[in-house]
Amino acid sequence: MERYAWRAKVKEGMLDEYIKRHDAIWPELSELLKKAGIKNYTIWYNNNDLFGYYECEFGVEYAAKVQSESPIVDKWNEYMKDVMVMEMDPVTKAQPLMRQVFYFE
């Protein structure tokens, strides 16, 4: 199973709203993530920095393709623009893939 990691920033004073929106994640977005084969999705926070990680059951490329073709992802990203800053890859419409440099199982 391939792993994917991303990073972003929460805008100053917006952490509570960021958490609130994720606590009420849209059912259609959850279904899309499942369709993309995304599992064990977690997001961490420290000093306005966000770090996200998930595993891709069908590979990173497949997960990126499903997300890039979905208007739900576009809608979610638009919804989150006022609480966070994300660098987006124009092809995948997701945060650029971080390169793994260490793994311990």
PDB file of N, CA and C in Angstrom:
ATOM      1  N   MET A   1       0.849  -1.174   0.000  1.00  0.00           N
ATOM      2  CA  MET A   1       0.000   0.000   0.000  1.00  0.00           C
ATOM      3  C   MET A   1       0.895   1.237   0.000  1.00  0.00           C
ATOM      4  N   GLU A   2       0.669   2.137  -0.930  1.00  0.00           N
ATOM      5  CA  GLU A   2       1.450   3.369  -0.986  1.00  0.00           C
ATOM      6  C   GLU A   2       0.937   4.369   0.042  1.00  0.00           C
ATOM      7  N   ARG A   3       1.845   5.218   0.505  1.00  0.00           N
ATOM      8  CA  ARG A   3       1.496   6.254   1.471  1.00  0.00           C
ATOM      9  C   ARG A   3       1.640   7.625   0.828  1.00  0.00           C
ATOM     10  N   TYR A   4       0.843   8.559   1.314  1.00  0.00           N
ATOM     11  CA  TYR A   4       0.839   9.924   0.787  1.00  0.00           C
ATOM     12  C   TYR A   4       0.881  10.885   1.966  1.00  0.00           C
ATOM     13  N   ALA A   5       1.684  11.918   1.864  1.00  0.00           N
ATOM     14  CA  ALA A   5       1.760  12.938   2.903  1.00  0.00           C
ATOM     15  C   ALA A   5       1.652  14.312   2.261  1.00  0.00           C
ATOM     16  N   TRP A   6       1.047  15.236   2.993  1.00  0.00           N
ATOM     17  CA  TRP A   6       0.911  16.611   2.514  1.00  0.00           C
ATOM     18  C   TRP A   6       1.111  17.576   3.676  1.00  0.00           C
ATOM     19  N   ARG A   7       1.332  18.822   3.330  1.00  0.00           N
ATOM     20  CA  ARG A   7       1.468  19.855   4.351  1.00  0.00           C
ATOM     21  C   ARG A   7       0.712  21.107   3.913  1.00  0.00           C
ATOM     22  N   ALA A   8       0.292  21.874   4.908  1.00  0.00           N
ATOM     23  CA  ALA A   8      -0.413  23.131   4.662  1.00  0.00           C
ATOM     24  C   ALA A   8      -0.319  23.960   5.942  1.00  0.00           C
ATOM     25  N   LYS A   9      -0.974  25.102   5.945  1.00  0.00           N
ATOM     26  CA  LYS A   9      -0.988  25.967   7.129  1.00  0.00           C
ATOM     27  C   LYS A   9      -2.424  26.363   7.440  1.00  0.00           C
ATOM     28  N   VAL A  10      -2.722  26.423   8.733  1.00  0.00           N
ATOM     29  CA  VAL A  10      -3.988  26.983   9.190  1.00  0.00           C
ATOM     30  C   VAL A  10      -3.774  28.483   9.352  1.00  0.00           C
ATOM     31  N   LYS A  11      -4.733  29.264   8.888  1.00  0.00           N
ATOM     32  CA  LYS A  11      -4.625  30.708   9.067  1.00  0.00           C
ATOM     33  C   LYS A  11      -4.746  31.039  10.551  1.00  0.00           C
ATOM     34  N   GLU A  12      -4.056  32.090  10.942  1.00  0.00           N
ATOM     35  CA  GLU A  12      -4.021  32.510  12.347  1.00  0.00           C
ATOM     36  C   GLU A  12      -5.438  32.632  12.916  1.00  0.00           C
ATOM     37  N   GLY A  13      -5.649  32.004  14.060  1.00  0.00           N
ATOM     38  CA  GLY A  13      -6.936  32.080  14.745  1.00  0.00           C
ATOM     39  C   GLY A  13      -8.028  31.198  14.171  1.00  0.00           C
ATOM     40  N   MET A  14      -7.712  30.347  13.192  1.00  0.00           N
ATOM     41  CA  MET A  14      -8.740  29.561  12.509  1.00  0.00           C
ATOM     42  C   MET A  14      -8.701  28.067  12.840  1.00  0.00           C
ATOM     43  N   LEU A  15      -7.888  27.658  13.802  1.00  0.00           N
ATOM     44  CA  LEU A  15      -7.775  26.233  14.110  1.00  0.00           C
ATOM     45  C   LEU A  15      -9.113  25.640  14.560  1.00  0.00           C
ATOM     46  N   ASP A  16      -9.817  26.317  15.447  1.00  0.00           N
ATOM     47  CA  ASP A  16     -11.097  25.780  15.921  1.00  0.00           C
ATOM     48  C   ASP A  16     -12.075  25.570  14.769  1.00  0.00           C
ATOM     49  N   GLU A  17     -12.112  26.514  13.835  1.00  0.00           N
ATOM     50  CA  GLU A  17     -13.005  26.376  12.679  1.00  0.00           C
ATOM     51  C   GLU A  17     -12.539  25.237  11.773  1.00  0.00           C
ATOM     52  N   TYR A  18     -11.232  25.102  11.593  1.00  0.00           N
ATOM     53  CA  TYR A  18     -10.680  24.011  10.788  1.00  0.00           C
ATOM     54  C   TYR A  18     -11.119  22.662  11.367  1.00  0.00           C
ATOM     55  N   ILE A  19     -10.964  22.519  12.674  1.00  0.00           N
ATOM     56  CA  ILE A  19     -11.351  21.273  13.337  1.00  0.00           C
ATOM     57  C   ILE A  19     -12.866  21.055  13.223  1.00  0.00           C
ATOM     58  N   LYS A  20     -13.632  22.093  13.441  1.00  0.00           N
ATOM     59  CA  LYS A  20     -15.102  22.003  13.352  1.00  0.00           C
ATOM     60  C   LYS A  20     -15.537  21.483  11.978  1.00  0.00           C
ATOM     61  N   ARG A  21     -14.930  21.997  10.930  1.00  0.00           N
ATOM     62  CA  ARG A  21     -15.302  21.570   9.576  1.00  0.00           C
ATOM     63  C   ARG A  21     -14.934  20.113   9.324  1.00  0.00           C
ATOM     64  N   HIS A  22     -13.818  19.674   9.868  1.00  0.00           N
ATOM     65  CA  HIS A  22     -13.440  18.270   9.693  1.00  0.00           C
ATOM     66  C   HIS A  22     -14.281  17.339  10.561  1.00  0.00           C
ATOM     67  N   ASP A  23     -14.721  17.829  11.698  1.00  0.00           N
ATOM     68  CA  ASP A  23     -15.619  17.030  12.535  1.00  0.00           C
ATOM     69  C   ASP A  23     -16.954  16.790  11.836  1.00  0.00           C
ATOM     70  N   ALA A  24     -17.302  17.680  10.919  1.00  0.00           N
ATOM     71  CA  ALA A  24     -18.563  17.565  10.171  1.00  0.00           C
ATOM     72  C   ALA A  24     -18.284  17.325   8.685  1.00  0.00           C
ATOM     73  N   ILE A  25     -17.291  16.487   8.397  1.00  0.00           N
ATOM     74  CA  ILE A  25     -16.921  16.236   6.995  1.00  0.00           C
ATOM     75  C   ILE A  25     -18.152  15.783   6.209  1.00  0.00           C
ATOM     76  N   TRP A  26     -18.264  16.256   5.011  1.00  0.00           N
ATOM     77  CA  TRP A  26     -19.412  15.930   4.166  1.00  0.00           C
ATOM     78  C   TRP A  26     -19.442  14.438   3.852  1.00  0.00           C
ATOM     79  N   PRO A  27     -20.601  13.818   3.935  1.00  0.00           N
ATOM     80  CA  PRO A  27     -20.708  12.388   3.603  1.00  0.00           C
ATOM     81  C   PRO A  27     -20.240  12.085   2.179  1.00  0.00           C
ATOM     82  N   GLU A  28     -20.539  12.974   1.246  1.00  0.00           N
ATOM     83  CA  GLU A  28     -20.123  12.727  -0.136  1.00  0.00           C
ATOM     84  C   GLU A  28     -18.606  12.784  -0.294  1.00  0.00           C
ATOM     85  N   LEU A  29     -17.933  13.577   0.543  1.00  0.00           N
ATOM     86  CA  LEU A  29     -16.469  13.609   0.507  1.00  0.00           C
ATOM     87  C   LEU A  29     -15.903  12.329   1.120  1.00  0.00           C
ATOM     88  N   SER A  30     -16.487  11.874   2.213  1.00  0.00           N
ATOM     89  CA  SER A  30     -16.058  10.603   2.804  1.00  0.00           C
ATOM     90  C   SER A  30     -16.199   9.462   1.811  1.00  0.00           C
ATOM     91  N   GLU A  31     -17.305   9.436   1.083  1.00  0.00           N
ATOM     92  CA  GLU A  31     -17.523   8.385   0.081  1.00  0.00           C
ATOM     93  C   GLU A  31     -16.496   8.468  -1.037  1.00  0.00           C
ATOM     94  N   LEU A  32     -16.168   9.676  -1.448  1.00  0.00           N
ATOM     95  CA  LEU A  32     -15.164   9.851  -2.497  1.00  0.00           C
ATOM     96  C   LEU A  32     -13.799   9.344  -2.032  1.00  0.00           C
ATOM     97  N   LEU A  33     -13.428   9.652  -0.790  1.00  0.00           N
ATOM     98  CA  LEU A  33     -12.148   9.175  -0.263  1.00  0.00           C
ATOM     99  C   LEU A  33     -12.114   7.651  -0.246  1.00  0.00           C
ATOM    100  N   LYS A  34     -13.225   7.034   0.135  1.00  0.00           N
ATOM    101  CA  LYS A  34     -13.297   5.563   0.112  1.00  0.00           C
ATOM    102  C   LYS A  34     -13.153   5.044  -1.312  1.00  0.00           C
ATOM    103  N   LYS A  35     -13.846   5.688  -2.256  1.00  0.00           N
ATOM    104  CA  LYS A  35     -13.769   5.286  -3.668  1.00  0.00           C
ATOM    105  C   LYS A  35     -12.331   5.392  -4.190  1.00  0.00           C
ATOM    106  N   ALA A  36     -11.612   6.391  -3.700  1.00  0.00           N
ATOM    107  CA  ALA A  36     -10.221   6.603  -4.117  1.00  0.00           C
ATOM    108  C   ALA A  36      -9.263   5.619  -3.441  1.00  0.00           C
ATOM    109  N   GLY A  37      -9.788   4.807  -2.508  1.00  0.00           N
ATOM    110  CA  GLY A  37      -8.946   3.837  -1.817  1.00  0.00           C
ATOM    111  C   GLY A  37      -8.123   4.435  -0.690  1.00  0.00           C
ATOM    112  N   ILE A  38      -8.554   5.595  -0.190  1.00  0.00           N
ATOM    113  CA  ILE A  38      -7.819   6.278   0.869  1.00  0.00           C
ATOM    114  C   ILE A  38      -8.237   5.714   2.224  1.00  0.00           C
ATOM    115  N   LYS A  39      -7.235   5.336   3.004  1.00  0.00           N
ATOM    116  CA  LYS A  39      -7.457   4.746   4.326  1.00  0.00           C
ATOM    117  C   LYS A  39      -6.488   5.363   5.335  1.00  0.00           C
ATOM    118  N   ASN A  40      -6.823   5.208   6.606  1.00  0.00           N
ATOM    119  CA  ASN A  40      -5.959   5.684   7.698  1.00  0.00           C
ATOM    120  C   ASN A  40      -5.532   7.139   7.495  1.00  0.00           C
ATOM    121  N   TYR A  41      -6.485   7.985   7.157  1.00  0.00           N
ATOM    122  CA  TYR A  41      -6.219   9.398   6.911  1.00  0.00           C
ATOM    123  C   TYR A  41      -6.163  10.133   8.245  1.00  0.00           C
ATOM    124  N   THR A  42      -5.044  10.758   8.507  1.00  0.00           N
ATOM    125  CA  THR A  42      -4.884  11.530   9.727  1.00  0.00           C
ATOM    126  C   THR A  42      -4.248  12.875   9.409  1.00  0.00           C
ATOM    127  N   ILE A  43      -4.583  13.866  10.228  1.00  0.00           N
ATOM    128  CA  ILE A  43      -4.021  15.208  10.081  1.00  0.00           C
ATOM    129  C   ILE A  43      -3.526  15.655  11.455  1.00  0.00           C
ATOM    130  N   TRP A  44      -2.305  16.188  11.489  1.00  0.00           N
ATOM    131  CA  TRP A  44      -1.716  16.715  12.714  1.00  0.00           C
ATOM    132  C   TRP A  44      -1.524  18.220  12.580  1.00  0.00           C
ATOM    133  N   TYR A  45      -1.427  18.875  13.734  1.00  0.00           N
ATOM    134  CA  TYR A  45      -1.284  20.322  13.796  1.00  0.00           C
ATOM    135  C   TYR A  45      -0.197  20.700  14.805  1.00  0.00           C
ATOM    136  N   ASN A  46       0.611  21.734  14.451  1.00  0.00           N
ATOM    137  CA  ASN A  46       1.593  22.300  15.370  1.00  0.00           C
ATOM    138  C   ASN A  46       1.982  23.686  14.869  1.00  0.00           C
ATOM    139  N   ASN A  47       1.790  24.699  15.699  1.00  0.00           N
ATOM    140  CA  ASN A  47       2.197  26.069  15.354  1.00  0.00           C
ATOM    141  C   ASN A  47       1.679  26.520  13.990  1.00  0.00           C
ATOM    142  N   ASN A  48       0.420  26.314  13.724  1.00  0.00           N
ATOM    143  CA  ASN A  48      -0.245  26.661  12.460  1.00  0.00           C
ATOM    144  C   ASN A  48       0.164  25.774  11.282  1.00  0.00           C
ATOM    145  N   ASP A  49       1.055  24.831  11.510  1.00  0.00           N
ATOM    146  CA  ASP A  49       1.437  23.894  10.458  1.00  0.00           C
ATOM    147  C   ASP A  49       0.543  22.662  10.526  1.00  0.00           C
ATOM    148  N   LEU A  50       0.092  22.223   9.367  1.00  0.00           N
ATOM    149  CA  LEU A  50      -0.683  20.994   9.247  1.00  0.00           C
ATOM    150  C   LEU A  50       0.156  19.957   8.520  1.00  0.00           C
ATOM    151  N   PHE A  51       0.019  18.720   8.947  1.00  0.00           N
ATOM    152  CA  PHE A  51       0.659  17.608   8.259  1.00  0.00           C
ATOM    153  C   PHE A  51      -0.380  16.514   8.122  1.00  0.00           C
ATOM    154  N   GLY A  52      -0.655  16.108   6.886  1.00  0.00           N
ATOM    155  CA  GLY A  52      -1.631  15.058   6.632  1.00  0.00           C
ATOM    156  C   GLY A  52      -0.958  13.818   6.079  1.00  0.00           C
ATOM    157  N   TYR A  53      -1.541  12.676   6.410  1.00  0.00           N
ATOM    158  CA  TYR A  53      -1.005  11.400   5.958  1.00  0.00           C
ATOM    159  C   TYR A  53      -2.162  10.456   5.671  1.00  0.00           C
ATOM    160  N   TYR A  54      -2.068   9.725   4.570  1.00  0.00           N
ATOM    161  CA  TYR A  54      -3.015   8.639   4.336  1.00  0.00           C
ATOM    162  C   TYR A  54      -2.375   7.547   3.504  1.00  0.00           C
ATOM    163  N   GLU A  55      -3.013   6.389   3.561  1.00  0.00           N
ATOM    164  CA  GLU A  55      -2.556   5.243   2.794  1.00  0.00           C
ATOM    165  C   GLU A  55      -3.489   5.051   1.604  1.00  0.00           C
ATOM    166  N   CYS A  56      -2.899   4.656   0.478  1.00  0.00           N
ATOM    167  CA  CYS A  56      -3.635   4.525  -0.779  1.00  0.00           C
ATOM    168  C   CYS A  56      -3.733   3.052  -1.171  1.00  0.00           C
ATOM    169  N   GLU A  57      -4.901   2.485  -0.946  1.00  0.00           N
ATOM    170  CA  GLU A  57      -5.122   1.067  -1.214  1.00  0.00           C
ATOM    171  C   GLU A  57      -4.831   0.691  -2.661  1.00  0.00           C
ATOM    172  N   PHE A  58      -5.168   1.575  -3.583  1.00  0.00           N
ATOM    173  CA  PHE A  58      -4.972   1.293  -5.017  1.00  0.00           C
ATOM    174  C   PHE A  58      -3.821   2.106  -5.614  1.00  0.00           C
ATOM    175  N   GLY A  59      -3.004   2.722  -4.756  1.00  0.00           N
ATOM    176  CA  GLY A  59      -1.865   3.512  -5.202  1.00  0.00           C
ATOM    177  C   GLY A  59      -2.139   5.006  -5.186  1.00  0.00           C
ATOM    178  N   VAL A  60      -1.067   5.762  -5.060  1.00  0.00           N
ATOM    179  CA  VAL A  60      -1.145   7.215  -5.007  1.00  0.00           C
ATOM    180  C   VAL A  60      -1.714   7.775  -6.310  1.00  0.00           C
ATOM    181  N   GLU A  61      -1.275   7.232  -7.429  1.00  0.00           N
ATOM    182  CA  GLU A  61      -1.726   7.736  -8.727  1.00  0.00           C
ATOM    183  C   GLU A  61      -3.246   7.594  -8.877  1.00  0.00           C
ATOM    184  N   TYR A  62      -3.781   6.454  -8.482  1.00  0.00           N
ATOM    185  CA  TYR A  62      -5.234   6.232  -8.575  1.00  0.00           C
ATOM    186  C   TYR A  62      -5.987   7.182  -7.645  1.00  0.00           C
ATOM    187  N   ALA A  63      -5.513   7.320  -6.405  1.00  0.00           N
ATOM    188  CA  ALA A  63      -6.169   8.219  -5.450  1.00  0.00           C
ATOM    189  C   ALA A  63      -6.171   9.655  -5.983  1.00  0.00           C
ATOM    190  N   ALA A  64      -5.058  10.077  -6.555  1.00  0.00           N
ATOM    191  CA  ALA A  64      -4.963  11.425  -7.113  1.00  0.00           C
ATOM    192  C   ALA A  64      -5.914  11.599  -8.292  1.00  0.00           C
ATOM    193  N   LYS A  65      -6.018  10.582  -9.147  1.00  0.00           N
ATOM    194  CA  LYS A  65      -6.898  10.661 -10.314  1.00  0.00           C
ATOM    195  C   LYS A  65      -8.359  10.796  -9.894  1.00  0.00           C
ATOM    196  N   VAL A  66      -8.792   9.974  -8.968  1.00  0.00           N
ATOM    197  CA  VAL A  66     -10.187  10.029  -8.506  1.00  0.00           C
ATOM    198  C   VAL A  66     -10.491  11.405  -7.918  1.00  0.00           C
ATOM    199  N   GLN A  67      -9.573  11.914  -7.107  1.00  0.00           N
ATOM    200  CA  GLN A  67      -9.792  13.227  -6.498  1.00  0.00           C
ATOM    201  C   GLN A  67      -9.773  14.353  -7.528  1.00  0.00           C
ATOM    202  N   SER A  68      -8.853  14.272  -8.488  1.00  0.00           N
ATOM    203  CA  SER A  68      -8.740  15.359  -9.469  1.00  0.00           C
ATOM    204  C   SER A  68      -9.953  15.447 -10.386  1.00  0.00           C
ATOM    205  N   GLU A  69     -10.665  14.340 -10.538  1.00  0.00           N
ATOM    206  CA  GLU A  69     -11.844  14.319 -11.421  1.00  0.00           C
ATOM    207  C   GLU A  69     -13.136  14.656 -10.677  1.00  0.00           C
ATOM    208  N   SER A  70     -13.048  14.934  -9.397  1.00  0.00           N
ATOM    209  CA  SER A  70     -14.249  15.132  -8.597  1.00  0.00           C
ATOM    210  C   SER A  70     -14.559  16.599  -8.311  1.00  0.00           C
ATOM    211  N   PRO A  71     -15.766  17.036  -8.635  1.00  0.00           N
ATOM    212  CA  PRO A  71     -16.167  18.392  -8.261  1.00  0.00           C
ATOM    213  C   PRO A  71     -16.332  18.548  -6.743  1.00  0.00           C
ATOM    214  N   ILE A  72     -16.509  17.443  -6.040  1.00  0.00           N
ATOM    215  CA  ILE A  72     -16.631  17.493  -4.573  1.00  0.00           C
ATOM    216  C   ILE A  72     -15.328  18.006  -3.960  1.00  0.00           C
ATOM    217  N   VAL A  73     -14.205  17.539  -4.486  1.00  0.00           N
ATOM    218  CA  VAL A  73     -12.904  17.990  -3.991  1.00  0.00           C
ATOM    219  C   VAL A  73     -12.733  19.482  -4.262  1.00  0.00           C
ATOM    220  N   ASP A  74     -13.115  19.928  -5.448  1.00  0.00           N
ATOM    221  CA  ASP A  74     -13.034  21.358  -5.768  1.00  0.00           C
ATOM    222  C   ASP A  74     -13.877  22.169  -4.784  1.00  0.00           C
ATOM    223  N   LYS A  75     -15.072  21.686  -4.511  1.00  0.00           N
ATOM    224  CA  LYS A  75     -15.989  22.370  -3.595  1.00  0.00           C
ATOM    225  C   LYS A  75     -15.406  22.415  -2.179  1.00  0.00           C
ATOM    226  N   TRP A  76     -14.838  21.303  -1.707  1.00  0.00           N
ATOM    227  CA  TRP A  76     -14.221  21.258  -0.374  1.00  0.00           C
ATOM    228  C   TRP A  76     -13.035  22.222  -0.294  1.00  0.00           C
ATOM    229  N   ASN A  77     -12.176  22.210  -1.311  1.00  0.00           N
ATOM    230  CA  ASN A  77     -11.018  23.101  -1.303  1.00  0.00           C
ATOM    231  C   ASN A  77     -11.451  24.564  -1.268  1.00  0.00           C
ATOM    232  N   GLU A  78     -12.485  24.894  -1.992  1.00  0.00           N
ATOM    233  CA  GLU A  78     -13.026  26.261  -1.972  1.00  0.00           C
ATOM    234  C   GLU A  78     -13.565  26.594  -0.577  1.00  0.00           C
ATOM    235  N   TYR A  79     -14.271  25.657   0.006  1.00  0.00           N
ATOM    236  CA  TYR A  79     -14.837  25.806   1.349  1.00  0.00           C
ATOM    237  C   TYR A  79     -13.751  26.041   2.402  1.00  0.00           C
ATOM    238  N   MET A  80     -12.597  25.440   2.231  1.00  0.00           N
ATOM    239  CA  MET A  80     -11.526  25.518   3.218  1.00  0.00           C
ATOM    240  C   MET A  80     -10.573  26.696   3.001  1.00  0.00           C
ATOM    241  N   LYS A  81     -10.705  27.415   1.898  1.00  0.00           N
ATOM    242  CA  LYS A  81      -9.765  28.492   1.575  1.00  0.00           C
ATOM    243  C   LYS A  81      -9.697  29.594   2.626  1.00  0.00           C
ATOM    244  N   ASP A  82     -10.783  29.831   3.342  1.00  0.00           N
ATOM    245  CA  ASP A  82     -10.762  30.919   4.316  1.00  0.00           C
ATOM    246  C   ASP A  82     -10.126  30.517   5.649  1.00  0.00           C
ATOM    247  N   VAL A  83      -9.842  29.227   5.845  1.00  0.00           N
ATOM    248  CA  VAL A  83      -9.238  28.794   7.105  1.00  0.00           C
ATOM    249  C   VAL A  83      -7.828  28.228   6.947  1.00  0.00           C
ATOM    250  N   MET A  84      -7.415  27.982   5.715  1.00  0.00           N
ATOM    251  CA  MET A  84      -6.089  27.387   5.531  1.00  0.00           C
ATOM    252  C   MET A  84      -5.451  27.842   4.225  1.00  0.00           C
ATOM    253  N   VAL A  85      -4.138  27.659   4.164  1.00  0.00           N
ATOM    254  CA  VAL A  85      -3.369  27.981   2.968  1.00  0.00           C
ATOM    255  C   VAL A  85      -2.752  26.684   2.473  1.00  0.00           C
ATOM    256  N   MET A  86      -3.053  26.334   1.215  1.00  0.00           N
ATOM    257  CA  MET A  86      -2.530  25.105   0.619  1.00  0.00           C
ATOM    258  C   MET A  86      -1.808  25.428  -0.673  1.00  0.00           C
ATOM    259  N   GLU A  87      -0.671  24.809  -0.871  1.00  0.00           N
ATOM    260  CA  GLU A  87      -0.001  24.827  -2.165  1.00  0.00           C
ATOM    261  C   GLU A  87      -0.632  23.684  -2.959  1.00  0.00           C
ATOM    262  N   MET A  88      -1.160  23.968  -4.137  1.00  0.00           N
ATOM    263  CA  MET A  88      -1.870  22.949  -4.905  1.00  0.00           C
ATOM    264  C   MET A  88      -1.141  22.612  -6.198  1.00  0.00           C
ATOM    265  N   ASP A  89      -1.113  21.335  -6.513  1.00  0.00           N
ATOM    266  CA  ASP A  89      -0.598  20.860  -7.792  1.00  0.00           C
ATOM    267  C   ASP A  89      -1.708  21.065  -8.815  1.00  0.00           C
ATOM    268  N   PRO A  90      -1.457  21.788  -9.910  1.00  0.00           N
ATOM    269  CA  PRO A  90      -2.515  22.065 -10.886  1.00  0.00           C
ATOM    270  C   PRO A  90      -3.045  20.817 -11.597  1.00  0.00           C
ATOM    271  N   VAL A  91      -2.266  19.763 -11.648  1.00  0.00           N
ATOM    272  CA  VAL A  91      -2.702  18.540 -12.319  1.00  0.00           C
ATOM    273  C   VAL A  91      -3.588  17.694 -11.413  1.00  0.00           C
ATOM    274  N   THR A  92      -3.124  17.433 -10.193  1.00  0.00           N
ATOM    275  CA  THR A  92      -3.870  16.555  -9.284  1.00  0.00           C
ATOM    276  C   THR A  92      -4.907  17.302  -8.456  1.00  0.00           C
ATOM    277  N   LYS A  93      -4.807  18.621  -8.409  1.00  0.00           N
ATOM    278  CA  LYS A  93      -5.663  19.460  -7.575  1.00  0.00           C
ATOM    279  C   LYS A  93      -5.497  19.124  -6.090  1.00  0.00           C
ATOM    280  N   ALA A  94      -4.358  18.567  -5.732  1.00  0.00           N
ATOM    281  CA  ALA A  94      -4.043  18.213  -4.349  1.00  0.00           C
ATOM    282  C   ALA A  94      -2.694  18.823  -3.987  1.00  0.00           C
ATOM    283  N   GLN A  95      -2.365  18.725  -2.718  1.00  0.00           N
ATOM    284  CA  GLN A  95      -1.058  19.199  -2.303  1.00  0.00           C
ATOM    285  C   GLN A  95       0.009  18.340  -2.976  1.00  0.00           C
ATOM    286  N   PRO A  96       1.144  18.947  -3.346  1.00  0.00           N
ATOM    287  CA  PRO A  96       2.204  18.177  -3.999  1.00  0.00           C
ATOM    288  C   PRO A  96       2.667  17.012  -3.126  1.00  0.00           C
ATOM    289  N   LEU A  97       2.965  15.928  -3.762  1.00  0.00           N
ATOM    290  CA  LEU A  97       3.430  14.724  -3.080  1.00  0.00           C
ATOM    291  C   LEU A  97       4.770  14.987  -2.401  1.00  0.00           C
ATOM    292  N   MET A  98       4.832  14.672  -1.131  1.00  0.00           N
ATOM    293  CA  MET A  98       6.101  14.771  -0.404  1.00  0.00           C
ATOM    294  C   MET A  98       6.889  13.492  -0.637  1.00  0.00           C
ATOM    295  N   ARG A  99       8.185  13.611  -0.718  1.00  0.00           N
ATOM    296  CA  ARG A  99       9.048  12.453  -0.945  1.00  0.00           C
ATOM    297  C   ARG A  99       9.379  11.782   0.381  1.00  0.00           C
ATOM    298  N   GLN A 100       9.132  10.503   0.462  1.00  0.00           N
ATOM    299  CA  GLN A 100       9.454   9.750   1.677  1.00  0.00           C
ATOM    300  C   GLN A 100      10.953   9.574   1.766  1.00  0.00           C
ATOM    301  N   VAL A 101      11.522   9.841   2.942  1.00  0.00           N
ATOM    302  CA  VAL A 101      12.963   9.676   3.130  1.00  0.00           C
ATOM    303  C   VAL A 101      13.299   8.660   4.227  1.00  0.00           C
ATOM    304  N   PHE A 102      12.299   8.213   4.986  1.00  0.00           N
ATOM    305  CA  PHE A 102      12.554   7.231   6.032  1.00  0.00           C
ATOM    306  C   PHE A 102      11.260   6.475   6.314  1.00  0.00           C
ATOM    307  N   TYR A 103      11.383   5.175   6.570  1.00  0.00           N
ATOM    308  CA  TYR A 103      10.240   4.347   6.931  1.00  0.00           C
ATOM    309  C   TYR A 103      10.695   3.275   7.900  1.00  0.00           C
ATOM    310  N   PHE A 104       9.959   3.094   8.973  1.00  0.00           N
ATOM    311  CA  PHE A 104      10.249   2.051   9.957  1.00  0.00           C
ATOM    312  C   PHE A 104       8.949   1.347  10.274  1.00  0.00           C
ATOM    313  N   GLU A 105       8.933   0.041  10.123  1.00  0.00           N
ATOM    314  CA  GLU A 105       7.707  -0.725  10.391  1.00  0.00           C
ATOM    315  C   GLU A 105       7.910  -1.594  11.599  1.00  0.00           C
TER     316      GLU A 105
END
